Amino acid sequence: MGHALHSRLGTRRGWGYVAIVPARPGCVTQGDDRAEALANVREAIELYIEDCLEAGDPVPTEIGREFVDIEAA
């Protein structure tokens, strides 16, 4: 069974790329470039799911949720 977790990816001056998984508080990683940050966040999500399954805890999913970017002045 697949799991979907939304992650936010952004840049921070002098820090490279930062990736955050909102459904998993504290699941934050980074990389020197976009590709490294995406690889790191994928690994963080996989480890989180593995821990949930081993502990018998539910794995949070965001399937069916809609995410919308809104800009405001």
N, C-alpha and C. Protein backbone atom coordinates (compact mmCIF):
# COMPACT_ATOMS: atom_id res chain seq x y z
N MET A 1 0.84 -1.17 0.00
CA MET A 1 0.00 0.00 0.00
C MET A 1 0.89 1.24 0.00
N GLY A 2 0.60 2.18 -0.89
CA GLY A 2 1.39 3.41 -0.97
C GLY A 2 0.91 4.43 0.05
N HIS A 3 1.78 5.31 0.39
CA HIS A 3 1.47 6.39 1.31
C HIS A 3 1.86 7.70 0.65
N ALA A 4 1.08 8.74 0.88
CA ALA A 4 1.40 10.04 0.33
C ALA A 4 1.53 11.05 1.46
N LEU A 5 2.63 11.73 1.49
CA LEU A 5 2.84 12.81 2.45
C LEU A 5 3.31 14.02 1.67
N HIS A 6 2.65 15.12 1.87
CA HIS A 6 2.98 16.38 1.22
C HIS A 6 4.25 16.94 1.84
N SER A 7 5.13 17.47 1.04
CA SER A 7 6.30 18.15 1.58
C SER A 7 6.44 19.50 0.90
N ARG A 8 6.93 20.44 1.66
CA ARG A 8 7.16 21.79 1.15
C ARG A 8 8.66 21.96 0.94
N LEU A 9 9.02 22.53 -0.18
CA LEU A 9 10.41 22.71 -0.52
C LEU A 9 10.65 24.19 -0.79
N GLY A 10 11.66 24.74 -0.17
CA GLY A 10 11.98 26.14 -0.38
C GLY A 10 13.46 26.38 -0.22
N THR A 11 13.86 27.58 -0.52
CA THR A 11 15.28 27.93 -0.39
C THR A 11 15.44 28.94 0.74
N ARG A 12 16.60 28.88 1.36
CA ARG A 12 16.95 29.86 2.39
C ARG A 12 18.34 30.36 2.08
N ARG A 13 18.47 31.63 2.04
CA ARG A 13 19.76 32.23 1.69
C ARG A 13 20.88 31.66 2.55
N GLY A 14 21.88 31.11 1.90
CA GLY A 14 23.01 30.55 2.61
C GLY A 14 22.79 29.15 3.17
N TRP A 15 21.58 28.60 3.03
CA TRP A 15 21.27 27.28 3.59
C TRP A 15 20.96 26.25 2.51
N GLY A 16 20.88 26.63 1.28
CA GLY A 16 20.48 25.69 0.24
C GLY A 16 18.97 25.51 0.26
N TYR A 17 18.53 24.28 0.11
CA TYR A 17 17.10 23.96 0.07
C TYR A 17 16.67 23.32 1.37
N VAL A 18 15.47 23.66 1.81
CA VAL A 18 14.89 23.10 3.03
C VAL A 18 13.59 22.39 2.64
N ALA A 19 13.38 21.19 3.16
CA ALA A 19 12.16 20.42 2.90
C ALA A 19 11.48 20.11 4.22
N ILE A 20 10.18 20.34 4.27
CA ILE A 20 9.37 20.16 5.47
C ILE A 20 8.20 19.24 5.13
N VAL A 21 7.85 18.33 6.05
CA VAL A 21 6.69 17.45 5.88
C VAL A 21 5.66 17.86 6.93
N PRO A 22 4.66 18.68 6.55
CA PRO A 22 3.70 19.20 7.53
C PRO A 22 2.93 18.14 8.31
N ALA A 23 2.67 16.98 7.71
CA ALA A 23 1.92 15.93 8.40
C ALA A 23 2.75 15.26 9.49
N ARG A 24 4.03 15.53 9.50
CA ARG A 24 4.93 14.92 10.49
C ARG A 24 5.73 16.04 11.16
N PRO A 25 5.18 16.60 12.25
CA PRO A 25 5.89 17.67 12.94
C PRO A 25 7.32 17.27 13.28
N GLY A 26 8.24 18.14 12.98
CA GLY A 26 9.64 17.87 13.25
C GLY A 26 10.37 17.20 12.10
N CYS A 27 9.65 16.80 11.06
CA CYS A 27 10.29 16.15 9.92
C CYS A 27 10.75 17.24 8.95
N VAL A 28 11.98 17.68 9.16
CA VAL A 28 12.58 18.75 8.37
C VAL A 28 13.97 18.29 7.95
N THR A 29 14.33 18.56 6.72
CA THR A 29 15.65 18.22 6.23
C THR A 29 16.10 19.29 5.26
N GLN A 30 17.30 19.16 4.77
CA GLN A 30 17.81 20.13 3.82
C GLN A 30 18.80 19.48 2.89
N GLY A 31 19.21 20.23 1.88
CA GLY A 31 20.22 19.77 0.95
C GLY A 31 20.90 20.96 0.31
N ASP A 32 22.08 20.75 -0.19
CA ASP A 32 22.81 21.84 -0.85
C ASP A 32 22.12 22.28 -2.13
N ASP A 33 21.39 21.35 -2.77
CA ASP A 33 20.63 21.70 -3.98
C ASP A 33 19.27 21.00 -3.91
N ARG A 34 18.42 21.30 -4.88
CA ARG A 34 17.05 20.77 -4.89
C ARG A 34 17.04 19.24 -4.89
N ALA A 35 17.86 18.64 -5.73
CA ALA A 35 17.89 17.18 -5.84
C ALA A 35 18.27 16.54 -4.51
N GLU A 36 19.26 17.08 -3.83
CA GLU A 36 19.68 16.52 -2.55
C GLU A 36 18.58 16.68 -1.49
N ALA A 37 17.93 17.83 -1.47
CA ALA A 37 16.84 18.05 -0.51
C ALA A 37 15.70 17.07 -0.76
N LEU A 38 15.35 16.84 -2.02
CA LEU A 38 14.28 15.89 -2.34
C LEU A 38 14.67 14.47 -1.95
N ALA A 39 15.90 14.09 -2.20
CA ALA A 39 16.36 12.75 -1.81
C ALA A 39 16.33 12.60 -0.29
N ASN A 40 16.74 13.63 0.42
CA ASN A 40 16.75 13.58 1.88
C ASN A 40 15.34 13.52 2.46
N VAL A 41 14.41 14.28 1.87
CA VAL A 41 13.04 14.25 2.41
C VAL A 41 12.37 12.93 2.09
N ARG A 42 12.68 12.34 0.95
CA ARG A 42 12.13 11.01 0.64
C ARG A 42 12.61 10.00 1.67
N GLU A 43 13.91 10.04 2.00
CA GLU A 43 14.46 9.13 3.00
C GLU A 43 13.82 9.38 4.37
N ALA A 44 13.62 10.64 4.73
CA ALA A 44 12.99 10.96 6.03
C ALA A 44 11.56 10.42 6.09
N ILE A 45 10.81 10.55 5.00
CA ILE A 45 9.44 10.04 4.96
C ILE A 45 9.44 8.52 5.04
N GLU A 46 10.33 7.86 4.30
CA GLU A 46 10.39 6.40 4.34
C GLU A 46 10.73 5.89 5.73
N LEU A 47 11.67 6.54 6.40
CA LEU A 47 12.04 6.13 7.76
C LEU A 47 10.88 6.36 8.73
N TYR A 48 10.17 7.46 8.56
CA TYR A 48 9.02 7.75 9.41
C TYR A 48 7.94 6.68 9.23
N ILE A 49 7.62 6.34 7.97
CA ILE A 49 6.61 5.32 7.71
C ILE A 49 7.05 3.98 8.29
N GLU A 50 8.31 3.64 8.12
CA GLU A 50 8.86 2.39 8.67
C GLU A 50 8.69 2.35 10.20
N ASP A 51 9.00 3.45 10.86
CA ASP A 51 8.84 3.52 12.32
C ASP A 51 7.38 3.35 12.73
N CYS A 52 6.46 4.00 12.00
CA CYS A 52 5.04 3.87 12.31
C CYS A 52 4.59 2.42 12.20
N LEU A 53 4.97 1.78 11.10
CA LEU A 53 4.54 0.40 10.87
C LEU A 53 5.12 -0.54 11.92
N GLU A 54 6.39 -0.36 12.27
CA GLU A 54 7.01 -1.22 13.28
C GLU A 54 6.36 -1.03 14.66
N ALA A 55 5.92 0.18 14.96
CA ALA A 55 5.30 0.46 16.25
C ALA A 55 3.81 0.16 16.26
N GLY A 56 3.25 -0.17 15.08
CA GLY A 56 1.81 -0.43 15.00
C GLY A 56 0.98 0.84 15.03
N ASP A 57 1.61 1.97 14.78
CA ASP A 57 0.91 3.25 14.76
C ASP A 57 0.35 3.52 13.37
N PRO A 58 -0.72 4.31 13.28
CA PRO A 58 -1.24 4.66 11.96
C PRO A 58 -0.26 5.58 11.23
N VAL A 59 -0.22 5.43 9.93
CA VAL A 59 0.63 6.28 9.10
C VAL A 59 -0.25 7.41 8.56
N PRO A 60 0.09 8.66 8.87
CA PRO A 60 -0.73 9.75 8.36
C PRO A 60 -0.66 9.81 6.85
N THR A 61 -1.75 10.13 6.24
CA THR A 61 -1.80 10.25 4.78
C THR A 61 -2.50 11.55 4.43
N GLU A 62 -2.21 12.03 3.28
CA GLU A 62 -2.84 13.25 2.81
C GLU A 62 -3.58 12.98 1.50
N ILE A 63 -3.82 11.71 1.20
CA ILE A 63 -4.57 11.36 0.00
C ILE A 63 -5.97 11.95 0.12
N GLY A 64 -6.40 12.61 -0.91
CA GLY A 64 -7.73 13.21 -0.93
C GLY A 64 -7.75 14.66 -0.46
N ARG A 65 -6.64 15.15 0.08
CA ARG A 65 -6.58 16.55 0.48
C ARG A 65 -6.13 17.39 -0.71
N GLU A 66 -6.60 18.60 -0.74
CA GLU A 66 -6.22 19.53 -1.80
C GLU A 66 -5.30 20.58 -1.22
N PHE A 67 -4.22 20.87 -1.92
CA PHE A 67 -3.28 21.89 -1.50
C PHE A 67 -3.30 23.01 -2.52
N VAL A 68 -3.45 24.23 -2.03
CA VAL A 68 -3.56 25.39 -2.90
C VAL A 68 -2.57 26.43 -2.43
N ASP A 69 -1.80 26.98 -3.35
CA ASP A 69 -0.91 28.09 -3.03
C ASP A 69 -1.66 29.38 -3.26
N ILE A 70 -1.66 30.25 -2.28
CA ILE A 70 -2.36 31.53 -2.38
C ILE A 70 -1.39 32.65 -2.06
N GLU A 71 -1.33 33.63 -2.94
CA GLU A 71 -0.49 34.79 -2.69
C GLU A 71 -1.38 35.92 -2.23
N ALA A 72 -0.93 36.66 -1.25
CA ALA A 72 -1.68 37.81 -0.75
C ALA A 72 -0.74 39.01 -0.70
N ALA A 73 -1.30 40.15 -0.93
CA ALA A 73 -0.49 41.38 -0.92
C ALA A 73 -0.15 41.80 0.48
